[in-house]
Every structure is written in C-alpha cells, then in structure tokens.
Amino acid sequence: MLTERQFPWTSPYGLAEGPLKSKGPTAEALKRFFGRIGLLDWSDYDQHYNRPLWELVADLKVKQGILKKSDPRDGSYGKAVWEEVRTRKVPPGRPNSGEYALDFYSRKIVQDEAGELSGSNDIQKVQFYINEFWRIAIANRGIWHYSQNRPFDSTVDPSRGGYSDCSAMVVQAHRYAQDKSGIEVPDPARWKFGGYGNTDWYEDDWPKIGAPFRVGDLGHFHSSRHVIECIKPGNFDTAQWGSNGSEAAPELIAPLRHYYRFPDEYMFTVRPPLTKEEQNGG
C-alpha cells in the first residue's frame, strides 16, 4: 500500500451540485487511477469531479464492499475510497502492469494539494527512481554481470546491463535517482559517485534503524559483508528489497524473512540520507 505521505488524504470530493469539494488535484489523480486500470479514457483527465468519475467511484464502493448494492448509490470520495485506491495495482495486460495505479504524477499533485513540504517531496522523488532502477535492472538481469572490480561505472543504464556487485549497485541506483530527478543525492559510499566504495567502506556507516523500512534503506549481512536495498517500504514481512550478490542477480527479495541469509547472517539496517538537505539535517 502507498503510505499516507506518498498519497495523502486531502478532503472529501463530490459533484458540483453537492456540498463537497468538486474541483482539485485529487479529482485528477482519481481519473488517472481509473485510466491506468482501464476504466476511463485519457481525454477525461481534468480536475473536475464530474458525473463519470462519481459513477466510477460508486461502482468501486460496491465492488469493494464499502457499500452494499441495496444502499443508496454514492460516488463521493471519502477515506474508505482513499484507503482502497492506495492499494491498487495496474492489472495484467495493461501498460505499466504491476505498478501502483496511482502513478508518480498523481501522487505528486495530491502531495502538493495536501501541503506536503518540498523537502519530503524531494525524498519521494529520489525513492521513486531508486525503485525504478532496481525494477528495471531485475527485469534485465540476464545482461548484468557480477564484478567486484573498482572503479565501477556509477552512471549505468539499468535497461542495458553492466558490471556490478551488491554495494556498487546501491551506488548506481542512487546516482540514477540523482540523474533522473535532478536532485542532488549523496553517494551512500561517500565517494561522490567516483566508482569506489564498498559495503564496509562507509555504506554501513549510517544511522541504524528498525522497521518500518523505507525505500533506500540498506540491509547488511555478515556473509561476504553483503548489502541489499529496500525498494518497497514495509516491515520484515512486507518490505521488498533489491540484491546483487551473484552472476544470477540482480534479484528481488520479498519479504526479508524469506531470504536465505535471514536471520542467521543479518546484522542491521541503516538509513543513508537521500538528499543533501536530509544529510545536512533538513
């Protein structure tokens, strides 16, 4: 599920003839949501909470058991719908299948509407691209090769493969996030993305944290001083992680409790800063 910070609650929405808010970014985000799951045309994406959107929300309420079919039909947007849409993924056969139906743009405009601080928005952008890097790399694992050579290329395109190991791939993910977002991201190995650094060369020298984990957190293990990166937030049972520990990798670890190195080899998880502002205490 998307967190409240990723897709915050704003306010109830309804039709213009009613007492609720009827125009704003949340309405646009909901239209994009229904479009990505195949129920609304792209041409309908504006910020008016109109009758077609109201009907789609009413159908969703019945389908998900928020209302019974025998209840008065109600297509207004409230917290029960907010909770539901945060969980939904794009269904198989649709473009971007498996991604959250509320895409990054939808989340961003609703964060702005809810008055989220610009700094936290920057962190979420970086997290979005860290996740994107790992998902693309995992999907293209056949053209990645395991290598502990230094220096390594920190500017790789995850869709084209390359040479990396566990700690190098963390650095590459953060450099990718910096390049894609335009936000200055600290090198988690503290080598200014120069192609050096290792698991026990500064990547483990960040504040140790427990669950819940966020995207960008680094899990460390005794065996070969291995490191993995959180790419979906959650706890030991729900978070997902990216790992590059062999020629067969990169791979998805979901959840951590099912990882063969856990718990016997698990050491701790650390939280490197994802923006310069966060690194400086902002």
C-alpha atoms as a PDB file:
ATOM      1  CA  MET A   1       0.000   0.000   0.000  1.00  0.00           C
ATOM      2  CA  LEU A   2       1.145   3.542  -0.700  1.00  0.00           C
ATOM      3  CA  THR A   3       1.889   5.375   2.530  1.00  0.00           C
ATOM      4  CA  GLU A   4      -0.092   8.357   3.701  1.00  0.00           C
ATOM      5  CA  ARG A   5       2.846  10.573   2.820  1.00  0.00           C
ATOM      6  CA  GLN A   6       3.066   9.113  -0.672  1.00  0.00           C
ATOM      7  CA  PHE A   7      -0.638   9.662  -1.293  1.00  0.00           C
ATOM      8  CA  PRO A   8      -2.027  11.827   1.500  1.00  0.00           C
ATOM      9  CA  TRP A   9      -5.632  12.320   2.497  1.00  0.00           C
ATOM     10  CA  THR A  10      -6.910  15.669   1.256  1.00  0.00           C
ATOM     11  CA  SER A  11     -10.675  16.121   1.693  1.00  0.00           C
ATOM     12  CA  PRO A  12     -13.997  14.620   0.630  1.00  0.00           C
ATOM     13  CA  TYR A  13     -14.934  15.245  -3.005  1.00  0.00           C
ATOM     14  CA  GLY A  14     -18.299  15.130  -4.715  1.00  0.00           C
ATOM     15  CA  LEU A  15     -20.402  16.568  -7.518  1.00  0.00           C
ATOM     16  CA  ALA A  16     -20.563  20.328  -8.032  1.00  0.00           C
ATOM     17  CA  GLU A  17     -24.230  20.447  -7.037  1.00  0.00           C
ATOM     18  CA  GLY A  18     -23.438  18.978  -3.617  1.00  0.00           C
ATOM     19  CA  PRO A  19     -21.740  20.357  -0.505  1.00  0.00           C
ATOM     20  CA  LEU A  20     -18.325  18.713  -1.070  1.00  0.00           C
ATOM     21  CA  LYS A  21     -15.256  19.973  -2.878  1.00  0.00           C
ATOM     22  CA  SER A  22     -15.769  19.378  -6.603  1.00  0.00           C
ATOM     23  CA  LYS A  23     -12.583  20.570  -8.266  1.00  0.00           C
ATOM     24  CA  GLY A  24      -8.928  19.961  -7.495  1.00  0.00           C
ATOM     25  CA  PRO A  25      -5.854  17.738  -7.934  1.00  0.00           C
ATOM     26  CA  THR A  26      -7.390  14.777  -6.114  1.00  0.00           C
ATOM     27  CA  ALA A  27     -10.084  14.557  -8.792  1.00  0.00           C
ATOM     28  CA  GLU A  28      -7.396  14.486 -11.499  1.00  0.00           C
ATOM     29  CA  ALA A  29      -5.443  11.827  -9.600  1.00  0.00           C
ATOM     30  CA  LEU A  30      -8.554   9.646  -9.329  1.00  0.00           C
ATOM     31  CA  LYS A  31      -9.205   9.978 -13.059  1.00  0.00           C
ATOM     32  CA  ARG A  32      -5.631   8.913 -13.774  1.00  0.00           C
ATOM     33  CA  PHE A  33      -6.142   5.998 -11.373  1.00  0.00           C
ATOM     34  CA  PHE A  34      -9.223   4.773 -13.251  1.00  0.00           C
ATOM     35  CA  GLY A  35      -7.490   5.369 -16.565  1.00  0.00           C
ATOM     36  CA  ARG A  36      -4.487   3.250 -15.617  1.00  0.00           C
ATOM     37  CA  ILE A  37      -6.727   0.342 -14.627  1.00  0.00           C
ATOM     38  CA  GLY A  38      -8.620   0.665 -17.914  1.00  0.00           C
ATOM     39  CA  LEU A  39     -11.909   2.272 -16.915  1.00  0.00           C
ATOM     40  CA  LEU A  40     -11.516   5.857 -18.146  1.00  0.00           C
ATOM     41  CA  ASP A  41     -10.164   7.480 -21.318  1.00  0.00           C
ATOM     42  CA  TRP A  42      -7.085   9.680 -21.217  1.00  0.00           C
ATOM     43  CA  SER A  43      -9.096  12.593 -22.616  1.00  0.00           C
ATOM     44  CA  ASP A  44     -11.081  12.805 -19.392  1.00  0.00           C
ATOM     45  CA  TYR A  45      -8.173  13.741 -17.125  1.00  0.00           C
ATOM     46  CA  ASP A  46      -9.053  17.164 -15.751  1.00  0.00           C
ATOM     47  CA  GLN A  47      -9.629  18.353 -12.179  1.00  0.00           C
ATOM     48  CA  HIS A  48     -13.427  18.318 -12.175  1.00  0.00           C
ATOM     49  CA  TYR A  49     -15.158  15.732 -10.008  1.00  0.00           C
ATOM     50  CA  ASN A  50     -17.773  15.095 -12.673  1.00  0.00           C
ATOM     51  CA  ARG A  51     -20.546  12.561 -13.110  1.00  0.00           C
ATOM     52  CA  PRO A  52     -18.436   9.876 -14.920  1.00  0.00           C
ATOM     53  CA  LEU A  53     -15.908   9.936 -12.061  1.00  0.00           C
ATOM     54  CA  TRP A  54     -18.692   9.876  -9.479  1.00  0.00           C
ATOM     55  CA  GLU A  55     -20.168   6.763 -11.154  1.00  0.00           C
ATOM     56  CA  LEU A  56     -16.780   5.007 -11.218  1.00  0.00           C
ATOM     57  CA  VAL A  57     -16.260   5.693  -7.512  1.00  0.00           C
ATOM     58  CA  ALA A  58     -19.797   4.465  -6.774  1.00  0.00           C
ATOM     59  CA  ASP A  59     -19.057   1.212  -8.628  1.00  0.00           C
ATOM     60  CA  LEU A  60     -15.782   0.843  -6.714  1.00  0.00           C
ATOM     61  CA  LYS A  61     -17.557   1.242  -3.388  1.00  0.00           C
ATOM     62  CA  VAL A  62     -19.970  -1.568  -4.198  1.00  0.00           C
ATOM     63  CA  LYS A  63     -17.330  -3.860  -5.673  1.00  0.00           C
ATOM     64  CA  GLN A  64     -15.038  -3.481  -2.659  1.00  0.00           C
ATOM     65  CA  GLY A  65     -17.808  -3.819  -0.093  1.00  0.00           C
ATOM     66  CA  ILE A  66     -17.645  -0.220   1.092  1.00  0.00           C
ATOM     67  CA  LEU A  67     -21.357  -0.032   0.288  1.00  0.00           C
ATOM     68  CA  LYS A  68     -23.942  -2.713  -0.390  1.00  0.00           C
ATOM     69  CA  LYS A  69     -25.884  -2.842  -3.649  1.00  0.00           C
ATOM     70  CA  SER A  70     -29.002  -2.190  -1.627  1.00  0.00           C
ATOM     71  CA  ASP A  71     -27.551   1.044  -0.173  1.00  0.00           C
ATOM     72  CA  PRO A  72     -28.259   4.414  -1.810  1.00  0.00           C
ATOM     73  CA  ARG A  73     -25.793   4.901  -4.639  1.00  0.00           C
ATOM     74  CA  ASP A  74     -22.947   7.209  -3.554  1.00  0.00           C
ATOM     75  CA  GLY A  75     -19.959   8.170  -5.709  1.00  0.00           C
ATOM     76  CA  SER A  76     -18.388  10.698  -3.362  1.00  0.00           C
ATOM     77  CA  TYR A  77     -14.724  10.371  -2.401  1.00  0.00           C
ATOM     78  CA  GLY A  78     -14.025   9.726   1.265  1.00  0.00           C
ATOM     79  CA  LYS A  79     -11.470   7.995   3.448  1.00  0.00           C
ATOM     80  CA  ALA A  80     -12.701   4.476   2.656  1.00  0.00           C
ATOM     81  CA  VAL A  81     -12.080   5.077  -1.055  1.00  0.00           C
ATOM     82  CA  TRP A  82      -8.755   6.758  -0.236  1.00  0.00           C
ATOM     83  CA  GLU A  83      -7.673   3.631   1.636  1.00  0.00           C
ATOM     84  CA  GLU A  84      -8.737   1.398  -1.252  1.00  0.00           C
ATOM     85  CA  VAL A  85      -7.098   3.248  -4.143  1.00  0.00           C
ATOM     86  CA  ARG A  86      -3.754   3.340  -2.294  1.00  0.00           C
ATOM     87  CA  THR A  87      -3.593  -0.458  -2.507  1.00  0.00           C
ATOM     88  CA  ARG A  88      -4.472  -0.971  -6.168  1.00  0.00           C
ATOM     89  CA  LYS A  89      -2.010  -2.036  -8.872  1.00  0.00           C
ATOM     90  CA  VAL A  90      -2.304  -1.793 -12.642  1.00  0.00           C
ATOM     91  CA  PRO A  91      -3.822  -5.130 -13.748  1.00  0.00           C
ATOM     92  CA  PRO A  92      -2.122  -7.640 -16.087  1.00  0.00           C
ATOM     93  CA  GLY A  93      -2.401  -6.774 -19.749  1.00  0.00           C
ATOM     94  CA  ARG A  94      -2.421  -3.031 -19.147  1.00  0.00           C
ATOM     95  CA  PRO A  95       0.527  -0.690 -19.761  1.00  0.00           C
ATOM     96  CA  ASN A  96       2.723  -0.480 -16.659  1.00  0.00           C
ATOM     97  CA  SER A  97       1.174  -3.666 -15.255  1.00  0.00           C
ATOM     98  CA  GLY A  98       2.126  -4.277 -11.638  1.00  0.00           C
ATOM     99  CA  GLU A  99       2.814  -0.638 -10.805  1.00  0.00           C
ATOM    100  CA  TYR A 100       0.630   1.294  -8.420  1.00  0.00           C
ATOM    101  CA  ALA A 101      -2.454   2.577 -10.217  1.00  0.00           C
ATOM    102  CA  LEU A 102      -1.784   5.945  -8.614  1.00  0.00           C
ATOM    103  CA  ASP A 103       1.277   6.916 -10.610  1.00  0.00           C
ATOM    104  CA  PHE A 104       4.056   9.272  -9.558  1.00  0.00           C
ATOM    105  CA  TYR A 105       2.366  12.312 -11.122  1.00  0.00           C
ATOM    106  CA  SER A 106      -0.892  11.590  -9.303  1.00  0.00           C
ATOM    107  CA  ARG A 107       0.916  11.252  -6.012  1.00  0.00           C
ATOM    108  CA  LYS A 108       2.856  14.458  -6.575  1.00  0.00           C
ATOM    109  CA  ILE A 109      -0.152  16.670  -7.305  1.00  0.00           C
ATOM    110  CA  VAL A 110      -2.027  15.307  -4.304  1.00  0.00           C
ATOM    111  CA  GLN A 111       1.035  15.786  -2.076  1.00  0.00           C
ATOM    112  CA  ASP A 112       1.097  19.398  -3.222  1.00  0.00           C
ATOM    113  CA  GLU A 113      -2.608  19.732  -2.528  1.00  0.00           C
ATOM    114  CA  ALA A 114      -2.153  18.349   0.956  1.00  0.00           C
ATOM    115  CA  GLY A 115       0.592  20.855   1.660  1.00  0.00           C
ATOM    116  CA  GLU A 116       3.471  18.394   1.844  1.00  0.00           C
ATOM    117  CA  LEU A 117       6.845  20.044   2.429  1.00  0.00           C
ATOM    118  CA  SER A 118       9.065  20.381  -0.630  1.00  0.00           C
ATOM    119  CA  GLY A 119      11.883  18.534   1.122  1.00  0.00           C
ATOM    120  CA  SER A 120       9.820  15.426   1.728  1.00  0.00           C
ATOM    121  CA  ASN A 121       8.654  15.581  -1.888  1.00  0.00           C
ATOM    122  CA  ASP A 122      12.293  15.532  -2.980  1.00  0.00           C
ATOM    123  CA  ILE A 123      12.902  12.411  -0.913  1.00  0.00           C
ATOM    124  CA  GLN A 124       9.897  10.720  -2.511  1.00  0.00           C
ATOM    125  CA  LYS A 125      11.176  11.576  -5.984  1.00  0.00           C
ATOM    126  CA  VAL A 126      14.541  10.023  -5.174  1.00  0.00           C
ATOM    127  CA  GLN A 127      12.817   6.944  -3.761  1.00  0.00           C
ATOM    128  CA  PHE A 128      10.700   6.641  -6.892  1.00  0.00           C
ATOM    129  CA  TYR A 129      13.801   6.472  -9.089  1.00  0.00           C
ATOM    130  CA  ILE A 130      15.708   4.131  -6.763  1.00  0.00           C
ATOM    131  CA  ASN A 131      12.777   1.754  -7.065  1.00  0.00           C
ATOM    132  CA  GLU A 132      12.654   2.262 -10.837  1.00  0.00           C
ATOM    133  CA  PHE A 133      16.369   1.493 -11.207  1.00  0.00           C
ATOM    134  CA  TRP A 134      16.105  -1.786  -9.316  1.00  0.00           C
ATOM    135  CA  ARG A 135      12.895  -2.903 -11.055  1.00  0.00           C
ATOM    136  CA  ILE A 136      14.436  -2.294 -14.467  1.00  0.00           C
ATOM    137  CA  ALA A 137      17.722  -3.964 -13.503  1.00  0.00           C
ATOM    138  CA  ILE A 138      15.944  -7.023 -12.081  1.00  0.00           C
ATOM    139  CA  ALA A 139      13.833  -7.315 -15.230  1.00  0.00           C
ATOM    140  CA  ASN A 140      17.077  -7.281 -17.280  1.00  0.00           C
ATOM    141  CA  ARG A 141      19.189  -9.481 -15.031  1.00  0.00           C
ATOM    142  CA  GLY A 142      20.354 -11.573 -17.984  1.00  0.00           C
ATOM    143  CA  ILE A 143      22.559  -8.756 -19.272  1.00  0.00           C
ATOM    144  CA  TRP A 144      24.037  -7.831 -15.893  1.00  0.00           C
ATOM    145  CA  HIS A 145      27.337  -9.371 -14.784  1.00  0.00           C
ATOM    146  CA  TYR A 146      28.716  -9.741 -11.294  1.00  0.00           C
ATOM    147  CA  SER A 147      32.014  -7.940 -10.757  1.00  0.00           C
ATOM    148  CA  GLN A 148      33.836  -6.594  -7.693  1.00  0.00           C
ATOM    149  CA  ASN A 149      36.246  -4.533  -9.775  1.00  0.00           C
ATOM    150  CA  ARG A 150      36.948  -0.943  -8.774  1.00  0.00           C
ATOM    151  CA  PRO A 151      36.412   1.650 -10.054  1.00  0.00           C
ATOM    152  CA  PHE A 152      32.969   0.781 -11.379  1.00  0.00           C
ATOM    153  CA  ASP A 153      30.718   2.845 -13.636  1.00  0.00           C
ATOM    154  CA  SER A 154      28.171   4.622 -11.445  1.00  0.00           C
ATOM    155  CA  THR A 155      26.207   6.003 -14.418  1.00  0.00           C
ATOM    156  CA  VAL A 156      24.859   2.787 -15.930  1.00  0.00           C
ATOM    157  CA  ASP A 157      21.505   2.451 -17.670  1.00  0.00           C
ATOM    158  CA  PRO A 158      19.707  -0.373 -15.822  1.00  0.00           C
ATOM    159  CA  SER A 159      17.972  -1.493 -19.012  1.00  0.00           C
ATOM    160  CA  ARG A 160      21.312  -2.060 -20.757  1.00  0.00           C
ATOM    161  CA  GLY A 161      23.044  -4.026 -18.023  1.00  0.00           C
ATOM    162  CA  GLY A 162      26.600  -3.664 -16.875  1.00  0.00           C
ATOM    163  CA  TYR A 163      29.048  -4.811 -14.237  1.00  0.00           C
ATOM    164  CA  SER A 164      28.312  -4.509 -10.566  1.00  0.00           C
ATOM    165  CA  ASP A 165      28.213  -6.146  -7.156  1.00  0.00           C
ATOM    166  CA  CYS A 166      25.996  -5.618  -4.134  1.00  0.00           C
ATOM    167  CA  SER A 167      27.475  -2.348  -2.892  1.00  0.00           C
ATOM    168  CA  ALA A 168      28.198  -0.926  -6.341  1.00  0.00           C
ATOM    169  CA  MET A 169      24.598  -1.444  -7.406  1.00  0.00           C
ATOM    170  CA  VAL A 170      23.387   0.576  -4.418  1.00  0.00           C
ATOM    171  CA  VAL A 171      25.635   3.436  -5.536  1.00  0.00           C
ATOM    172  CA  GLN A 172      24.431   3.051  -9.128  1.00  0.00           C
ATOM    173  CA  ALA A 173      20.789   3.192  -8.006  1.00  0.00           C
ATOM    174  CA  HIS A 174      21.386   6.432  -6.118  1.00  0.00           C
ATOM    175  CA  ARG A 175      23.294   8.007  -9.000  1.00  0.00           C
ATOM    176  CA  TYR A 176      20.446   7.008 -11.340  1.00  0.00           C
ATOM    177  CA  ALA A 177      17.974   8.680  -8.952  1.00  0.00           C
ATOM    178  CA  GLN A 178      20.078  11.831  -8.959  1.00  0.00           C
ATOM    179  CA  ASP A 179      20.318  11.956 -12.743  1.00  0.00           C
ATOM    180  CA  LYS A 180      16.625  11.239 -13.297  1.00  0.00           C
ATOM    181  CA  SER A 181      15.248  13.541 -10.599  1.00  0.00           C
ATOM    182  CA  GLY A 182      17.673  16.456 -10.920  1.00  0.00           C
ATOM    183  CA  ILE A 183      18.023  16.411  -7.122  1.00  0.00           C
ATOM    184  CA  GLU A 184      21.475  16.214  -5.525  1.00  0.00           C
ATOM    185  CA  VAL A 185      21.670  12.768  -3.938  1.00  0.00           C
ATOM    186  CA  PRO A 186      24.535  11.832  -1.602  1.00  0.00           C
ATOM    187  CA  ASP A 187      26.684   8.864  -2.610  1.00  0.00           C
ATOM    188  CA  PRO A 188      25.869   6.220   0.038  1.00  0.00           C
ATOM    189  CA  ALA A 189      29.537   5.101  -0.161  1.00  0.00           C
ATOM    190  CA  ARG A 190      30.769   8.696   0.287  1.00  0.00           C
ATOM    191  CA  TRP A 191      32.966   8.683  -2.821  1.00  0.00           C
ATOM    192  CA  LYS A 192      30.980  11.319  -4.754  1.00  0.00           C
ATOM    193  CA  PHE A 193      29.961   8.649  -7.275  1.00  0.00           C
ATOM    194  CA  GLY A 194      33.579   8.165  -8.265  1.00  0.00           C
ATOM    195  CA  GLY A 195      33.232   4.396  -8.668  1.00  0.00           C
ATOM    196  CA  TYR A 196      34.735   3.379  -5.343  1.00  0.00           C
ATOM    197  CA  GLY A 197      33.372   2.261  -2.018  1.00  0.00           C
ATOM    198  CA  ASN A 198      32.248  -0.995  -0.540  1.00  0.00           C
ATOM    199  CA  THR A 199      29.793  -2.425   1.950  1.00  0.00           C
ATOM    200  CA  ASP A 200      32.133  -1.779   4.871  1.00  0.00           C
ATOM    201  CA  TRP A 201      33.595   1.368   3.319  1.00  0.00           C
ATOM    202  CA  TYR A 202      31.019   3.792   4.664  1.00  0.00           C
ATOM    203  CA  GLU A 203      27.871   2.131   3.291  1.00  0.00           C
ATOM    204  CA  ASP A 204      27.281   0.674   6.748  1.00  0.00           C
ATOM    205  CA  ASP A 205      28.281   3.899   8.500  1.00  0.00           C
ATOM    206  CA  TRP A 206      24.819   5.463   8.632  1.00  0.00           C
ATOM    207  CA  PRO A 207      22.212   5.545  11.422  1.00  0.00           C
ATOM    208  CA  LYS A 208      20.968   2.068  12.293  1.00  0.00           C
ATOM    209  CA  ILE A 209      17.194   1.782  12.154  1.00  0.00           C
ATOM    210  CA  GLY A 210      14.472  -0.809  12.663  1.00  0.00           C
ATOM    211  CA  ALA A 211      11.193  -1.471  10.919  1.00  0.00           C
ATOM    212  CA  PRO A 212       9.286   0.034   9.256  1.00  0.00           C
ATOM    213  CA  PHE A 213      11.791   0.351   6.437  1.00  0.00           C
ATOM    214  CA  ARG A 214      11.699   2.942   3.676  1.00  0.00           C
ATOM    215  CA  VAL A 215      12.979   2.859   0.106  1.00  0.00           C
ATOM    216  CA  GLY A 216      16.723   3.491   0.188  1.00  0.00           C
ATOM    217  CA  ASP A 217      17.404   1.717   3.493  1.00  0.00           C
ATOM    218  CA  LEU A 218      20.332  -0.728   3.346  1.00  0.00           C
ATOM    219  CA  GLY A 219      20.247  -4.168   4.982  1.00  0.00           C
ATOM    220  CA  HIS A 220      23.675  -5.570   5.921  1.00  0.00           C
ATOM    221  CA  PHE A 221      24.732  -9.189   6.372  1.00  0.00           C
ATOM    222  CA  HIS A 222      27.799 -10.936   7.778  1.00  0.00           C
ATOM    223  CA  SER A 223      28.288 -13.276   4.814  1.00  0.00           C
ATOM    224  CA  SER A 224      30.745 -11.602   2.417  1.00  0.00           C
ATOM    225  CA  ARG A 225      29.568  -8.335   4.011  1.00  0.00           C
ATOM    226  CA  HIS A 226      26.590  -8.399   1.702  1.00  0.00           C
ATOM    227  CA  VAL A 227      24.186  -5.452   1.361  1.00  0.00           C
ATOM    228  CA  ILE A 228      20.664  -5.189  -0.060  1.00  0.00           C
ATOM    229  CA  GLU A 229      18.470  -2.131  -0.649  1.00  0.00           C
ATOM    230  CA  CYS A 230      14.834  -1.587   0.289  1.00  0.00           C
ATOM    231  CA  ILE A 231      12.755  -0.836  -2.818  1.00  0.00           C
ATOM    232  CA  LYS A 232       9.280  -1.087  -1.315  1.00  0.00           C
ATOM    233  CA  PRO A 233       8.523   0.157   2.212  1.00  0.00           C
ATOM    234  CA  GLY A 234       7.252  -2.097   4.961  1.00  0.00           C
ATOM    235  CA  ASN A 235       8.383  -4.328   7.792  1.00  0.00           C
ATOM    236  CA  PHE A 236      10.245  -7.656   7.871  1.00  0.00           C
ATOM    237  CA  ASP A 237       7.183  -9.342   6.376  1.00  0.00           C
ATOM    238  CA  THR A 238       6.094  -6.772   3.790  1.00  0.00           C
ATOM    239  CA  ALA A 239       9.055  -4.698   2.573  1.00  0.00           C
ATOM    240  CA  GLN A 240      10.783  -5.645  -0.700  1.00  0.00           C
ATOM    241  CA  TRP A 241      14.495  -5.473  -1.409  1.00  0.00           C
ATOM    242  CA  GLY A 242      16.896  -5.451  -4.342  1.00  0.00           C
ATOM    243  CA  SER A 243      20.031  -7.594  -4.157  1.00  0.00           C
ATOM    244  CA  ASN A 244      23.028  -8.194  -6.416  1.00  0.00           C
ATOM    245  CA  GLY A 245      25.111 -10.927  -4.879  1.00  0.00           C
ATOM    246  CA  SER A 246      25.905 -13.284  -7.776  1.00  0.00           C
ATOM    247  CA  GLU A 247      26.034 -13.672 -11.549  1.00  0.00           C
ATOM    248  CA  ALA A 248      22.357 -14.751 -11.426  1.00  0.00           C
ATOM    249  CA  ALA A 249      21.356 -11.421  -9.852  1.00  0.00           C
ATOM    250  CA  PRO A 250      20.106  -8.703  -9.530  1.00  0.00           C
ATOM    251  CA  GLU A 251      17.114 -10.222  -7.812  1.00  0.00           C
ATOM    252  CA  LEU A 252      14.039  -9.287  -5.820  1.00  0.00           C
ATOM    253  CA  ILE A 253      13.854 -10.310  -2.164  1.00  0.00           C
ATOM    254  CA  ALA A 254      10.284 -10.280  -0.898  1.00  0.00           C
ATOM    255  CA  PRO A 255       9.977 -10.407   2.020  1.00  0.00           C
ATOM    256  CA  LEU A 256      13.177 -10.235   4.054  1.00  0.00           C
ATOM    257  CA  ARG A 257      12.053 -13.088   6.326  1.00  0.00           C
ATOM    258  CA  HIS A 258      12.148 -15.448   3.326  1.00  0.00           C
ATOM    259  CA  TYR A 259      15.713 -14.529   2.351  1.00  0.00           C
ATOM    260  CA  TYR A 260      18.093 -17.426   2.840  1.00  0.00           C
ATOM    261  CA  ARG A 261      20.618 -15.182   4.625  1.00  0.00           C
ATOM    262  CA  PHE A 262      17.990 -14.119   7.181  1.00  0.00           C
ATOM    263  CA  PRO A 263      18.073 -14.215  10.162  1.00  0.00           C
ATOM    264  CA  ASP A 264      21.375 -16.006  10.835  1.00  0.00           C
ATOM    265  CA  GLU A 265      23.543 -13.675   8.763  1.00  0.00           C
ATOM    266  CA  TYR A 266      21.561 -10.479   9.274  1.00  0.00           C
ATOM    267  CA  MET A 267      23.463  -7.685  11.027  1.00  0.00           C
ATOM    268  CA  PHE A 268      21.440  -4.461  10.864  1.00  0.00           C
ATOM    269  CA  THR A 269      19.741  -1.976   8.550  1.00  0.00           C
ATOM    270  CA  VAL A 270      20.972   1.594   8.069  1.00  0.00           C
ATOM    271  CA  ARG A 271      19.359   4.695   6.584  1.00  0.00           C
ATOM    272  CA  PRO A 272      21.599   6.777   4.313  1.00  0.00           C
ATOM    273  CA  PRO A 273      20.305  10.273   3.524  1.00  0.00           C
ATOM    274  CA  LEU A 274      18.592  10.580   0.143  1.00  0.00           C
ATOM    275  CA  THR A 275      19.013  14.337  -0.352  1.00  0.00           C
ATOM    276  CA  LYS A 276      21.665  16.870   0.617  1.00  0.00           C
ATOM    277  CA  GLU A 277      19.059  18.634   2.715  1.00  0.00           C
ATOM    278  CA  GLU A 278      18.401  15.444   4.675  1.00  0.00           C
ATOM    279  CA  GLN A 279      22.142  14.841   5.042  1.00  0.00           C
ATOM    280  CA  ASN A 280      22.536  18.330   6.485  1.00  0.00           C
ATOM    281  CA  GLY A 281      19.748  17.769   8.951  1.00  0.00           C
ATOM    282  CA  GLY A 282      16.957  19.449   6.995  1.00  0.00           C
END
